[in-house]
């Protein structure tokens, strides 16, 4: 179950993700596929992914979600410069930003 939704921009691509109650981050697989230059969803979801890191949700249509571990598995397999830049952005911008949001004390 999604408890938080986030939206970030990486270069010219929007990256939307969800954080579930267990703290795991979930990315929309079609967005990851698009930013890596894949034309279809199927090249992104493959046998190298961990099945527990794949989920589906219905938001006006059926959408596949992949967890952070499967995003990294996809990036490692990709040899594109875009994948390298996205991996660097994940590690140096997105994840620190999310951690910073989560560790701020609640002042209410």
C-alpha atoms as a PDB file:
ATOM      1  CA  UNK A   1       0.000   0.000   0.000  1.00  0.00           C
ATOM      2  CA  UNK A   2       1.336   3.399  -1.041  1.00  0.00           C
ATOM      3  CA  UNK A   3       1.816   5.903   1.750  1.00  0.00           C
ATOM      4  CA  UNK A   4       3.803   8.597  -0.091  1.00  0.00           C
ATOM      5  CA  UNK A   5       4.176   9.653  -3.702  1.00  0.00           C
ATOM      6  CA  UNK A   6       7.118  11.578  -5.072  1.00  0.00           C
ATOM      7  CA  UNK A   7       7.833  13.296  -8.352  1.00  0.00           C
ATOM      8  CA  UNK A   8      11.311  14.265  -9.535  1.00  0.00           C
ATOM      9  CA  UNK A   9      12.816  15.354 -12.809  1.00  0.00           C
ATOM     10  CA  UNK A  10      15.866  13.654 -14.266  1.00  0.00           C
ATOM     11  CA  UNK A  11      17.087  15.533 -17.329  1.00  0.00           C
ATOM     12  CA  UNK A  12      13.962  15.734 -19.549  1.00  0.00           C
ATOM     13  CA  UNK A  13      12.170  12.801 -17.869  1.00  0.00           C
ATOM     14  CA  UNK A  14       9.752  12.841 -14.965  1.00  0.00           C
ATOM     15  CA  UNK A  15      10.311  10.084 -12.434  1.00  0.00           C
ATOM     16  CA  UNK A  16       7.374   9.211 -10.211  1.00  0.00           C
ATOM     17  CA  UNK A  17       7.769   6.855  -7.330  1.00  0.00           C
ATOM     18  CA  UNK A  18       5.843   5.533  -4.409  1.00  0.00           C
ATOM     19  CA  UNK A  19       6.952   4.649  -0.934  1.00  0.00           C
ATOM     20  CA  UNK A  20       5.003   1.820   0.636  1.00  0.00           C
ATOM     21  CA  UNK A  21       4.328   1.202   4.320  1.00  0.00           C
ATOM     22  CA  UNK A  22       7.346  -1.083   4.576  1.00  0.00           C
ATOM     23  CA  UNK A  23       9.584   1.810   3.417  1.00  0.00           C
ATOM     24  CA  UNK A  24      10.395   0.311   0.017  1.00  0.00           C
ATOM     25  CA  UNK A  25      10.551   2.616  -2.995  1.00  0.00           C
ATOM     26  CA  UNK A  26       8.656   1.647  -6.148  1.00  0.00           C
ATOM     27  CA  UNK A  27       9.212   3.142  -9.608  1.00  0.00           C
ATOM     28  CA  UNK A  28       6.893   3.005 -12.606  1.00  0.00           C
ATOM     29  CA  UNK A  29       8.563   0.579 -14.956  1.00  0.00           C
ATOM     30  CA  UNK A  30       7.415   2.347 -18.130  1.00  0.00           C
ATOM     31  CA  UNK A  31       9.172   5.536 -16.985  1.00  0.00           C
ATOM     32  CA  UNK A  32      12.413   3.651 -16.330  1.00  0.00           C
ATOM     33  CA  UNK A  33      12.057   1.950 -19.722  1.00  0.00           C
ATOM     34  CA  UNK A  34      11.476   5.299 -21.425  1.00  0.00           C
ATOM     35  CA  UNK A  35      14.434   7.055 -19.871  1.00  0.00           C
ATOM     36  CA  UNK A  36      16.667   4.131 -20.858  1.00  0.00           C
ATOM     37  CA  UNK A  37      15.396   4.313 -24.424  1.00  0.00           C
ATOM     38  CA  UNK A  38      13.357   1.083 -24.422  1.00  0.00           C
ATOM     39  CA  UNK A  39      10.312   1.236 -26.660  1.00  0.00           C
ATOM     40  CA  UNK A  40       8.306  -1.331 -24.771  1.00  0.00           C
ATOM     41  CA  UNK A  41       7.802  -2.302 -21.171  1.00  0.00           C
ATOM     42  CA  UNK A  42       8.759  -5.942 -21.706  1.00  0.00           C
ATOM     43  CA  UNK A  43      12.521  -5.363 -22.089  1.00  0.00           C
ATOM     44  CA  UNK A  44      12.553  -3.820 -18.615  1.00  0.00           C
ATOM     45  CA  UNK A  45      10.801  -6.664 -16.772  1.00  0.00           C
ATOM     46  CA  UNK A  46      12.886  -9.768 -17.312  1.00  0.00           C
ATOM     47  CA  UNK A  47      14.139 -12.934 -15.661  1.00  0.00           C
ATOM     48  CA  UNK A  48      17.010 -11.152 -13.887  1.00  0.00           C
ATOM     49  CA  UNK A  49      14.579  -9.255 -11.685  1.00  0.00           C
ATOM     50  CA  UNK A  50      13.528 -10.491  -8.296  1.00  0.00           C
ATOM     51  CA  UNK A  51       9.841 -11.385  -8.421  1.00  0.00           C
ATOM     52  CA  UNK A  52       9.147  -9.823  -5.012  1.00  0.00           C
ATOM     53  CA  UNK A  53      10.391  -6.544  -6.484  1.00  0.00           C
ATOM     54  CA  UNK A  54       7.633  -6.403  -9.108  1.00  0.00           C
ATOM     55  CA  UNK A  55       4.144  -5.168  -8.330  1.00  0.00           C
ATOM     56  CA  UNK A  56       1.149  -3.895 -10.249  1.00  0.00           C
ATOM     57  CA  UNK A  57      -1.300  -1.129  -9.532  1.00  0.00           C
ATOM     58  CA  UNK A  58      -4.354   0.216 -11.272  1.00  0.00           C
ATOM     59  CA  UNK A  59      -4.322   3.970 -11.874  1.00  0.00           C
ATOM     60  CA  UNK A  60      -6.784   4.450 -14.737  1.00  0.00           C
ATOM     61  CA  UNK A  61      -4.940   1.523 -16.339  1.00  0.00           C
ATOM     62  CA  UNK A  62      -2.737  -1.326 -15.171  1.00  0.00           C
ATOM     63  CA  UNK A  63       0.806  -0.159 -14.378  1.00  0.00           C
ATOM     64  CA  UNK A  64       3.839  -2.178 -13.425  1.00  0.00           C
ATOM     65  CA  UNK A  65       6.030  -1.049 -10.548  1.00  0.00           C
ATOM     66  CA  UNK A  66       9.575  -2.166  -9.838  1.00  0.00           C
ATOM     67  CA  UNK A  67      11.432  -1.661  -6.593  1.00  0.00           C
ATOM     68  CA  UNK A  68      14.763   0.099  -6.165  1.00  0.00           C
ATOM     69  CA  UNK A  69      16.694  -3.184  -6.284  1.00  0.00           C
ATOM     70  CA  UNK A  70      15.200  -4.052  -9.656  1.00  0.00           C
ATOM     71  CA  UNK A  71      15.884  -0.530 -10.931  1.00  0.00           C
ATOM     72  CA  UNK A  72      19.561  -1.075 -10.099  1.00  0.00           C
ATOM     73  CA  UNK A  73      19.524  -4.526 -11.737  1.00  0.00           C
ATOM     74  CA  UNK A  74      18.172  -2.888 -14.889  1.00  0.00           C
ATOM     75  CA  UNK A  75      20.783  -0.128 -14.787  1.00  0.00           C
ATOM     76  CA  UNK A  76      23.633  -2.588 -14.308  1.00  0.00           C
ATOM     77  CA  UNK A  77      22.505  -4.552 -17.384  1.00  0.00           C
ATOM     78  CA  UNK A  78      22.197  -1.424 -19.494  1.00  0.00           C
ATOM     79  CA  UNK A  79      25.375  -0.151 -21.044  1.00  0.00           C
ATOM     80  CA  UNK A  80      24.012   3.186 -22.152  1.00  0.00           C
ATOM     81  CA  UNK A  81      25.405   6.524 -21.066  1.00  0.00           C
ATOM     82  CA  UNK A  82      21.860   7.465 -20.022  1.00  0.00           C
ATOM     83  CA  UNK A  83      21.803   4.543 -17.565  1.00  0.00           C
ATOM     84  CA  UNK A  84      25.127   5.644 -16.083  1.00  0.00           C
ATOM     85  CA  UNK A  85      23.852   9.214 -15.655  1.00  0.00           C
ATOM     86  CA  UNK A  86      20.590   7.985 -14.129  1.00  0.00           C
ATOM     87  CA  UNK A  87      22.458   5.715 -11.696  1.00  0.00           C
ATOM     88  CA  UNK A  88      24.646   8.646 -10.639  1.00  0.00           C
ATOM     89  CA  UNK A  89      21.557  10.855 -10.213  1.00  0.00           C
ATOM     90  CA  UNK A  90      19.829   8.175  -8.113  1.00  0.00           C
ATOM     91  CA  UNK A  91      22.810   7.822  -5.790  1.00  0.00           C
ATOM     92  CA  UNK A  92      23.833  11.469  -5.528  1.00  0.00           C
ATOM     93  CA  UNK A  93      20.535  13.361  -5.793  1.00  0.00           C
ATOM     94  CA  UNK A  94      17.343  11.336  -5.437  1.00  0.00           C
ATOM     95  CA  UNK A  95      18.170   8.986  -2.571  1.00  0.00           C
ATOM     96  CA  UNK A  96      19.856  11.652  -0.401  1.00  0.00           C
ATOM     97  CA  UNK A  97      16.860  13.956  -0.993  1.00  0.00           C
ATOM     98  CA  UNK A  98      14.422  11.238   0.078  1.00  0.00           C
ATOM     99  CA  UNK A  99      16.503  10.375   3.130  1.00  0.00           C
ATOM    100  CA  UNK A 100      16.663  14.034   4.074  1.00  0.00           C
ATOM    101  CA  UNK A 101      12.863  14.306   3.865  1.00  0.00           C
ATOM    102  CA  UNK A 102      12.416  11.250   6.056  1.00  0.00           C
ATOM    103  CA  UNK A 103      14.861  12.245   8.778  1.00  0.00           C
ATOM    104  CA  UNK A 104      13.549  15.760   9.376  1.00  0.00           C
ATOM    105  CA  UNK A 105      11.932  15.896  12.815  1.00  0.00           C
ATOM    106  CA  UNK A 106       8.192  16.342  12.963  1.00  0.00           C
ATOM    107  CA  UNK A 107       7.581  19.734  14.564  1.00  0.00           C
ATOM    108  CA  UNK A 108       3.826  19.308  15.004  1.00  0.00           C
END
